Amino acid sequence: MNETPGAESFADHAKRLAQGANPQSDIVHFPEAEPLPLDSGSALAPFSIAYQTYGTLNADKSNLVLVCHALTGDQHAANLHPLTGKPGWWDTMIGPGKPIDTDRYFVLCPNVIGGCMGSTGPSSINPATGKPYGPDFPVITVRDMVRAQARLLDHLGIEQALCVLGGSMGGMQVLEWAATYKDRVFSAVPIACAARHSSQNIAFHEVGRQAVMADPDWCQGRYLEEGKSPRKGLAVARMAAHITYLSDETLHDKFGRNLQDREKVTFGFDADFQVESYLRHQGMTFVDRFDANAYLYITRAMDYFDIAADHGGVLANAFAGTKTRFCLVSFTSDWLFPTEESREVVHALNAVAANVSFVEIESNKGHDAFLLHEPELFDAVRGFLTAAARHRGVVFPDGGKV
């Protein structure tokens, strides 16, 4: 885990991450005079949001599908990623003829603030100092991320999304959208998420953060100024987190106790087992596309997420009076965000007579199932979007209707 990012220097690598490294991404810059208020009581100004779009916006701007990404995702949902060269993280879901059909819908996927692919985050330049923010970046929340996205929609002149959807931290953003901007969300699909982060999940995040901060190259968060990078710590954080995205059955079926490129154990601490080699690979490839401080800030935002706490401790209060149509999705083997947490949201929505459906999908793939080939998920999303478009009377870019 000591290799450098290719032949480029750490400074160039950090700059490439901070700038988004992709000329295809649109970036909206909001000036100093238009600060973003934050839940912490501070404000972010100026700030930028990078985003990708797919499909065509129709004449009355009624076919927008806003896709919210998860913790380690970014705006590159359905195009080749500029740093990895791999397909977008939701390439199975978004595209012509796919469940989120770009022949019908205009898909917008923004990079969250606090991220490292073009939106303002801790690796961005602090205008007050001319240096990277580092630990001086303000602590953000999921509501802050959504507040910034609402500003992006304002900039694009879009009053209401046909649908807001996403999984994991993306699902948290969906719930926050539905609670904070009720009139701007016609329909919502929160997938594999919860209305608050559990103590177990906070604990896993703390292990990851401590791994990053224990790396001597973290430099109290000012590693970019020092020309260093806490690659080892971030890789370990990714390894630990990645275990939580999978199920025990998936790990057993994929790796078992199979050895890696050897016939017997070495009685040492090399990667004797295939699962060890797999996790090391996950860690090493992650550090080439993600900023360590961004990992700290975004995991903290997830930890602070608790919609009920913001509404008198009653989750149903968050959705009182909503007209949004909901479809919640969970997976049977997801122990990171188990089904009962989705059911809590469903019960809260039922309590305020919201229009809500719920799908629990039988899967052995764990939390990551929402990113993988799951035909039942595809069918649910396709059918729900079609019904929402029909109910709203959306005219597609080609002039047709559902």
Protein backbone atom coordinates (compact mmCIF):
# COMPACT_ATOMS: atom_id res chain seq x y z
CA MET A 1 0.00 0.00 0.00
CA ASN A 2 3.00 2.28 -0.43
CA GLU A 3 2.68 2.87 -4.15
CA THR A 4 2.16 6.42 -5.42
CA PRO A 5 -0.73 7.38 -7.73
CA GLY A 6 0.95 6.56 -11.00
CA ALA A 7 3.89 8.76 -11.93
CA GLU A 8 2.27 12.01 -10.80
CA SER A 9 3.17 13.77 -7.58
CA PHE A 10 0.88 13.79 -4.58
CA ALA A 11 0.24 17.49 -5.19
CA ASP A 12 -0.82 16.85 -8.80
CA HIS A 13 -2.94 13.89 -7.70
CA ALA A 14 -4.70 16.01 -5.08
CA LYS A 15 -5.26 18.81 -7.58
CA ARG A 16 -6.73 16.34 -10.07
CA LEU A 17 -9.15 15.05 -7.42
CA ALA A 18 -10.13 18.53 -6.29
CA GLN A 19 -10.86 19.70 -9.82
CA GLY A 20 -12.99 16.69 -10.60
CA ALA A 21 -10.55 15.55 -13.28
CA ASN A 22 -13.29 15.44 -15.86
CA PRO A 23 -14.08 18.18 -18.37
CA GLN A 24 -17.42 16.46 -19.02
CA SER A 25 -18.73 17.40 -15.57
CA ASP A 26 -20.62 20.67 -15.43
CA ILE A 27 -19.75 22.79 -12.42
CA VAL A 28 -21.88 25.63 -11.05
CA HIS A 29 -20.01 28.22 -9.00
CA PHE A 30 -22.01 30.14 -6.43
CA PRO A 31 -20.27 33.42 -5.51
CA GLU A 32 -19.37 34.84 -2.12
CA ALA A 33 -22.55 36.91 -2.19
CA GLU A 34 -24.66 33.71 -2.29
CA PRO A 35 -23.46 31.74 0.78
CA LEU A 36 -24.80 28.31 1.66
CA PRO A 37 -26.06 28.30 5.27
CA LEU A 38 -25.02 25.19 7.18
CA ASP A 39 -26.62 23.34 10.09
CA SER A 40 -23.51 24.03 12.17
CA GLY A 41 -24.38 27.74 12.13
CA SER A 42 -21.58 28.68 9.75
CA ALA A 43 -21.84 29.25 6.01
CA LEU A 44 -19.94 28.11 2.94
CA ALA A 45 -19.05 30.79 0.44
CA PRO A 46 -18.15 30.69 -2.32
CA PHE A 47 -19.04 27.11 -3.17
CA SER A 48 -19.33 24.90 -6.24
CA ILE A 49 -21.37 21.88 -7.25
CA ALA A 50 -20.22 19.45 -9.95
CA TYR A 51 -22.80 17.30 -11.68
CA GLN A 52 -23.47 14.96 -14.58
CA THR A 53 -26.61 14.81 -16.69
CA TYR A 54 -28.05 12.11 -18.93
CA GLY A 55 -31.02 12.38 -21.27
CA THR A 56 -32.96 15.48 -22.29
CA LEU A 57 -34.97 17.91 -20.19
CA ASN A 58 -38.47 18.27 -21.64
CA ALA A 59 -40.17 21.57 -22.45
CA ASP A 60 -41.85 22.12 -19.07
CA LYS A 61 -38.94 20.65 -17.07
CA SER A 62 -41.18 17.98 -15.55
CA ASN A 63 -39.11 14.86 -16.34
CA LEU A 64 -36.18 15.42 -13.98
CA VAL A 65 -34.95 12.38 -12.03
CA LEU A 66 -32.49 13.48 -9.35
CA VAL A 67 -30.06 10.71 -8.42
CA CYS A 68 -28.25 11.00 -5.07
CA HIS A 69 -25.01 9.09 -4.63
CA ALA A 70 -23.74 7.06 -1.68
CA LEU A 71 -20.73 7.66 0.57
CA THR A 72 -18.00 6.63 -1.84
CA GLY A 73 -19.90 7.50 -5.02
CA ASP A 74 -19.84 10.67 -7.03
CA GLN A 75 -21.58 12.33 -9.97
CA HIS A 76 -20.36 9.72 -12.48
CA ALA A 77 -23.39 7.45 -12.18
CA ALA A 78 -23.71 6.26 -15.76
CA ASN A 79 -20.59 7.26 -17.68
CA LEU A 80 -17.04 5.97 -17.67
CA HIS A 81 -15.36 7.23 -14.54
CA PRO A 82 -12.54 9.66 -15.43
CA LEU A 83 -10.16 8.30 -12.78
CA THR A 84 -10.84 4.57 -12.93
CA GLY A 85 -12.01 4.15 -16.52
CA LYS A 86 -14.76 1.87 -15.20
CA PRO A 87 -18.51 2.16 -15.90
CA GLY A 88 -20.49 4.50 -13.67
CA TRP A 89 -21.65 3.17 -10.31
CA TRP A 90 -25.30 2.91 -11.48
CA ASP A 91 -24.68 2.04 -15.11
CA THR A 92 -27.01 -0.94 -14.68
CA MET A 93 -29.87 1.39 -13.73
CA ILE A 94 -29.46 4.52 -15.88
CA GLY A 95 -29.46 4.67 -19.68
CA PRO A 96 -31.58 4.21 -22.82
CA GLY A 97 -34.16 1.49 -22.18
CA LYS A 98 -32.92 0.89 -18.64
CA PRO A 99 -35.08 1.28 -15.52
CA ILE A 100 -34.23 4.99 -15.35
CA ASP A 101 -34.73 5.41 -19.08
CA THR A 102 -32.76 8.36 -20.45
CA ASP A 103 -34.94 8.33 -23.57
CA ARG A 104 -37.74 9.44 -21.22
CA TYR A 105 -36.13 11.13 -18.25
CA PHE A 106 -33.58 13.86 -17.67
CA VAL A 107 -31.22 12.44 -15.05
CA LEU A 108 -29.17 14.75 -12.86
CA CYS A 109 -26.53 13.40 -10.47
CA PRO A 110 -24.64 15.99 -8.38
CA ASN A 111 -21.49 15.44 -6.38
CA VAL A 112 -22.23 16.23 -2.72
CA ILE A 113 -20.58 19.19 -1.03
CA GLY A 114 -17.80 17.82 1.12
CA GLY A 115 -16.87 15.51 -1.77
CA CYS A 116 -13.74 15.46 -3.89
CA MET A 117 -14.87 15.34 -7.51
CA GLY A 118 -15.48 19.00 -8.27
CA SER A 119 -17.94 20.07 -5.56
CA THR A 120 -16.49 22.18 -2.76
CA GLY A 121 -14.91 20.02 -0.08
CA PRO A 122 -11.91 19.87 2.24
CA SER A 123 -9.48 19.49 -0.68
CA SER A 124 -10.82 22.67 -2.31
CA ILE A 125 -8.96 25.96 -1.98
CA ASN A 126 -10.02 28.12 0.94
CA PRO A 127 -10.32 31.65 -0.52
CA ALA A 128 -9.37 33.11 2.85
CA THR A 129 -5.95 31.43 2.86
CA GLY A 130 -5.23 30.37 -0.72
CA LYS A 131 -4.54 26.86 0.61
CA PRO A 132 -6.68 23.70 0.75
CA TYR A 133 -9.36 23.88 3.44
CA GLY A 134 -8.22 20.66 5.08
CA PRO A 135 -9.53 20.56 8.67
CA ASP A 136 -10.75 24.16 8.36
CA PHE A 137 -13.62 23.00 6.16
CA PRO A 138 -16.88 23.31 8.10
CA VAL A 139 -18.56 20.13 9.30
CA ILE A 140 -21.56 19.39 7.08
CA THR A 141 -24.76 17.37 7.35
CA VAL A 142 -26.94 15.47 4.91
CA ARG A 143 -29.38 18.39 5.07
CA ASP A 144 -26.54 20.71 3.99
CA MET A 145 -25.89 18.43 1.00
CA VAL A 146 -29.57 18.58 0.05
CA ARG A 147 -29.73 22.33 0.62
CA ALA A 148 -26.89 22.73 -1.89
CA GLN A 149 -28.68 20.48 -4.39
CA ALA A 150 -31.82 22.61 -4.04
CA ARG A 151 -29.70 25.62 -4.97
CA LEU A 152 -28.50 23.72 -8.03
CA LEU A 153 -32.10 23.04 -9.11
CA ASP A 154 -32.87 26.73 -8.58
CA HIS A 155 -29.95 27.58 -10.84
CA LEU A 156 -31.26 25.21 -13.51
CA GLY A 157 -34.76 26.67 -13.22
CA ILE A 158 -36.35 23.39 -12.11
CA GLU A 159 -39.05 23.77 -9.47
CA GLN A 160 -39.89 20.13 -8.84
CA ALA A 161 -38.23 16.77 -9.48
CA LEU A 162 -40.37 14.02 -10.94
CA CYS A 163 -38.41 11.68 -8.70
CA VAL A 164 -35.53 11.80 -6.24
CA LEU A 165 -33.88 8.46 -5.66
CA GLY A 166 -30.72 6.89 -4.31
CA GLY A 167 -29.32 4.18 -2.08
CA SER A 168 -27.50 4.18 1.26
CA MET A 169 -26.33 7.76 1.92
CA GLY A 170 -28.15 8.58 -1.31
CA GLY A 171 -31.33 7.23 0.30
CA MET A 172 -30.73 9.48 3.30
CA GLN A 173 -30.61 12.44 0.94
CA VAL A 174 -33.88 11.28 -0.64
CA LEU A 175 -35.57 11.23 2.77
CA GLU A 176 -34.14 14.64 3.60
CA TRP A 177 -35.42 16.02 0.30
CA ALA A 178 -38.89 14.65 1.05
CA ALA A 179 -38.88 16.08 4.59
CA THR A 180 -37.36 19.50 3.88
CA TYR A 181 -38.63 20.27 0.37
CA LYS A 182 -42.00 18.53 0.26
CA ASP A 183 -43.35 20.60 -2.64
CA ARG A 184 -40.27 19.98 -4.77
CA VAL A 185 -40.42 16.18 -4.73
CA PHE A 186 -43.22 14.57 -6.74
CA SER A 187 -42.00 11.06 -5.96
CA ALA A 188 -39.20 9.51 -3.95
CA VAL A 189 -37.35 6.18 -3.91
CA PRO A 190 -35.17 5.73 -0.80
CA ILE A 191 -33.22 2.47 -1.16
CA ALA A 192 -31.29 0.52 1.50
CA CYS A 193 -31.27 3.36 4.00
CA ALA A 194 -32.76 4.56 7.29
CA ALA A 195 -34.12 7.70 8.89
CA ARG A 196 -31.16 7.81 11.27
CA HIS A 197 -27.69 6.33 11.49
CA SER A 198 -27.46 3.51 14.01
CA SER A 199 -24.88 3.35 16.79
CA GLN A 200 -23.33 0.31 15.10
CA ASN A 201 -22.86 2.22 11.86
CA ILE A 202 -21.42 5.21 13.73
CA ALA A 203 -18.99 2.79 15.37
CA PHE A 204 -17.83 1.40 12.03
CA HIS A 205 -17.32 4.93 10.73
CA GLU A 206 -15.29 5.87 13.78
CA VAL A 207 -12.94 2.92 13.17
CA GLY A 208 -12.41 4.18 9.64
CA ARG A 209 -11.80 7.75 10.71
CA GLN A 210 -9.32 6.68 13.37
CA ALA A 211 -7.47 4.60 10.77
CA VAL A 212 -7.09 7.71 8.59
CA MET A 213 -6.07 9.98 11.47
CA ALA A 214 -3.57 7.44 12.81
CA ASP A 215 -1.64 7.52 9.52
CA PRO A 216 1.41 9.77 10.11
CA ASP A 217 0.90 11.21 6.63
CA TRP A 218 -2.48 12.63 7.64
CA CYS A 219 -0.55 15.56 9.18
CA GLN A 220 -3.51 16.72 11.30
CA GLY A 221 -5.52 17.02 8.11
CA ARG A 222 -3.01 19.28 6.31
CA TYR A 223 -1.37 16.59 4.21
CA LEU A 224 -1.98 18.42 0.93
CA GLU A 225 0.08 21.36 2.16
CA GLU A 226 2.83 18.91 3.13
CA GLY A 227 2.75 17.10 -0.22
CA LYS A 228 1.72 13.87 1.49
CA SER A 229 -1.26 11.53 1.49
CA PRO A 230 -2.56 9.18 4.22
CA ARG A 231 -2.98 6.36 1.76
CA LYS A 232 -2.42 3.51 4.21
CA GLY A 233 -4.97 4.82 6.70
CA LEU A 234 -7.58 5.52 4.04
CA ALA A 235 -7.05 2.08 2.50
CA VAL A 236 -7.65 0.41 5.87
CA ALA A 237 -10.78 2.53 6.38
CA ARG A 238 -12.08 1.39 3.01
CA MET A 239 -11.29 -2.25 3.78
CA ALA A 240 -13.21 -2.14 7.04
CA ALA A 241 -16.18 -0.37 5.47
CA HIS A 242 -16.29 -2.69 2.48
CA ILE A 243 -16.88 -5.68 4.75
CA THR A 244 -20.11 -4.03 5.93
CA TYR A 245 -21.37 -3.69 2.36
CA LEU A 246 -21.34 -7.45 1.81
CA SER A 247 -23.16 -10.35 3.40
CA ASP A 248 -21.56 -13.33 5.10
CA GLU A 249 -23.08 -15.55 2.40
CA THR A 250 -21.54 -13.43 -0.35
CA LEU A 251 -18.10 -13.59 1.23
CA HIS A 252 -18.39 -17.34 1.77
CA ASP A 253 -19.64 -18.04 -1.77
CA LYS A 254 -17.04 -15.80 -3.38
CA PHE A 255 -13.98 -16.63 -1.30
CA GLY A 256 -14.60 -19.24 1.38
CA ARG A 257 -11.21 -20.03 2.89
CA ASN A 258 -9.53 -20.28 -0.51
CA LEU A 259 -5.85 -19.40 -0.61
CA GLN A 260 -4.48 -16.67 -2.86
CA ASP A 261 -1.96 -17.94 -5.46
CA ARG A 262 -0.50 -20.58 -3.15
CA GLU A 263 -1.10 -24.16 -2.09
CA LYS A 264 -0.53 -23.77 1.65
CA VAL A 265 -0.40 -21.02 4.26
CA THR A 266 2.88 -19.15 4.70
CA PHE A 267 2.77 -18.84 8.48
CA GLY A 268 3.24 -15.10 7.99
CA PHE A 269 1.19 -11.97 7.40
CA ASP A 270 1.05 -11.80 3.63
CA ALA A 271 -2.38 -12.13 2.02
CA ASP A 272 -2.67 -15.90 2.36
CA PHE A 273 -6.43 -15.90 1.75
CA GLN A 274 -8.29 -14.66 -1.30
CA VAL A 275 -10.56 -12.50 0.85
CA GLU A 276 -7.50 -10.72 2.27
CA SER A 277 -6.16 -10.00 -1.19
CA TYR A 278 -9.59 -8.77 -2.30
CA LEU A 279 -9.87 -6.32 0.59
CA ARG A 280 -6.34 -5.03 0.04
CA HIS A 281 -7.17 -4.42 -3.60
CA GLN A 282 -10.34 -2.55 -2.62
CA GLY A 283 -8.32 -0.35 -0.30
CA MET A 284 -5.52 0.41 -2.74
CA THR A 285 -7.80 1.29 -5.65
CA PHE A 286 -10.01 3.49 -3.46
CA VAL A 287 -7.22 5.84 -2.45
CA ASP A 288 -6.56 6.71 -6.09
CA ARG A 289 -10.00 8.28 -6.48
CA PHE A 290 -10.95 9.62 -3.05
CA ASP A 291 -9.70 12.28 -0.67
CA ALA A 292 -9.02 11.23 2.92
CA ASN A 293 -10.48 14.34 4.53
CA ALA A 294 -13.59 14.05 2.35
CA TYR A 295 -14.03 10.55 3.78
CA LEU A 296 -13.91 11.96 7.31
CA TYR A 297 -16.42 14.71 6.58
CA ILE A 298 -18.93 12.61 4.67
CA THR A 299 -18.95 9.78 7.21
CA ARG A 300 -19.55 12.38 9.92
CA ALA A 301 -22.48 13.80 7.96
CA MET A 302 -24.04 10.32 7.85
CA ASP A 303 -23.49 9.89 11.59
CA TYR A 304 -25.36 13.11 12.36
CA PHE A 305 -28.34 12.08 10.24
CA ASP A 306 -31.51 11.71 12.35
CA ILE A 307 -34.70 13.06 10.79
CA ALA A 308 -36.92 12.40 13.82
CA ALA A 309 -34.60 14.37 16.10
CA ASP A 310 -35.19 17.40 13.92
CA HIS A 311 -38.99 17.05 14.28
CA GLY A 312 -39.64 16.73 17.99
CA GLY A 313 -38.45 13.14 18.11
CA VAL A 314 -41.40 11.94 16.02
CA LEU A 315 -40.47 10.68 12.56
CA ALA A 316 -44.00 11.05 11.19
CA ASN A 317 -43.85 14.80 11.90
CA ALA A 318 -41.14 15.12 9.27
CA PHE A 319 -43.57 14.06 6.55
CA ALA A 320 -46.79 15.66 7.79
CA GLY A 321 -48.80 17.06 4.91
CA THR A 322 -46.64 15.45 2.24
CA LYS A 323 -48.06 14.85 -1.22
CA THR A 324 -44.98 12.96 -2.38
CA ARG A 325 -45.44 9.41 -3.67
CA PHE A 326 -42.96 7.03 -2.00
CA CYS A 327 -41.47 3.65 -2.82
CA LEU A 328 -39.06 2.26 -0.23
CA VAL A 329 -36.77 -0.65 -1.02
CA SER A 330 -34.74 -2.89 1.29
CA PHE A 331 -32.79 -6.15 0.91
CA THR A 332 -33.08 -9.21 3.13
CA SER A 333 -29.31 -9.67 3.60
CA ASP A 334 -28.50 -6.01 4.23
CA TRP A 335 -27.29 -5.90 7.84
CA LEU A 336 -25.89 -2.37 7.52
CA PHE A 337 -29.37 -0.92 6.88
CA PRO A 338 -31.70 -3.80 7.73
CA THR A 339 -35.30 -4.04 6.57
CA GLU A 340 -36.76 -3.02 9.94
CA GLU A 341 -35.24 0.43 9.51
CA SER A 342 -37.05 0.88 6.21
CA ARG A 343 -40.24 -0.34 7.83
CA GLU A 344 -39.93 2.40 10.46
CA VAL A 345 -40.06 4.98 7.66
CA VAL A 346 -43.00 3.20 6.04
CA HIS A 347 -44.90 3.23 9.34
CA ALA A 348 -44.18 6.95 9.78
CA LEU A 349 -45.46 7.64 6.26
CA ASN A 350 -48.56 5.54 6.90
CA ALA A 351 -49.19 7.58 10.05
CA VAL A 352 -49.57 10.74 7.95
CA ALA A 353 -51.57 8.97 5.22
CA ALA A 354 -48.81 9.32 2.65
CA ASN A 355 -48.90 7.47 -0.66
CA VAL A 356 -46.30 4.78 0.06
CA SER A 357 -45.33 1.37 -1.24
CA PHE A 358 -42.62 -0.92 0.10
CA VAL A 359 -40.54 -3.64 -1.54
CA GLU A 360 -38.33 -6.04 0.39
CA ILE A 361 -36.13 -7.85 -2.09
CA GLU A 362 -34.80 -11.33 -1.40
CA SER A 363 -31.06 -11.10 -2.03
CA ASN A 364 -27.88 -12.63 -0.66
CA LYS A 365 -25.69 -9.72 -1.84
CA GLY A 366 -25.84 -7.57 1.27
CA HIS A 367 -26.00 -3.79 1.33
CA ASP A 368 -24.30 -3.47 -2.06
CA ALA A 369 -27.26 -5.22 -3.72
CA PHE A 370 -28.65 -1.85 -4.82
CA LEU A 371 -25.55 -1.37 -7.00
CA LEU A 372 -25.64 -4.83 -8.54
CA HIS A 373 -27.77 -6.80 -10.98
CA GLU A 374 -31.08 -7.18 -9.14
CA PRO A 375 -33.96 -7.66 -11.62
CA GLU A 376 -36.61 -7.16 -8.92
CA LEU A 377 -35.09 -3.76 -8.06
CA PHE A 378 -35.01 -2.84 -11.75
CA ASP A 379 -38.66 -3.78 -12.15
CA ALA A 380 -39.70 -1.86 -9.05
CA VAL A 381 -37.91 1.33 -10.11
CA ARG A 382 -39.11 1.11 -13.71
CA GLY A 383 -42.72 0.52 -12.69
CA PHE A 384 -42.73 3.23 -10.02
CA LEU A 385 -41.23 5.84 -12.35
CA THR A 386 -43.69 4.97 -15.08
CA ALA A 387 -46.62 5.36 -12.68
CA ALA A 388 -45.26 8.66 -11.37
CA ALA A 389 -44.81 10.03 -14.88
CA ARG A 390 -48.32 8.92 -15.82
CA HIS A 391 -49.82 10.46 -12.70
CA ARG A 392 -48.03 13.74 -13.32
CA GLY A 393 -48.87 13.77 -17.02
CA VAL A 394 -45.27 14.04 -18.14
CA VAL A 395 -44.70 14.58 -21.84
CA PHE A 396 -41.41 12.95 -22.80
CA PRO A 397 -38.81 14.71 -24.97
CA ASP A 398 -40.05 12.85 -28.08
CA GLY A 399 -43.57 14.17 -27.47
CA GLY A 400 -44.98 10.90 -26.20
CA LYS A 401 -46.60 9.99 -22.89
CA VAL A 402 -46.75 6.84 -20.82
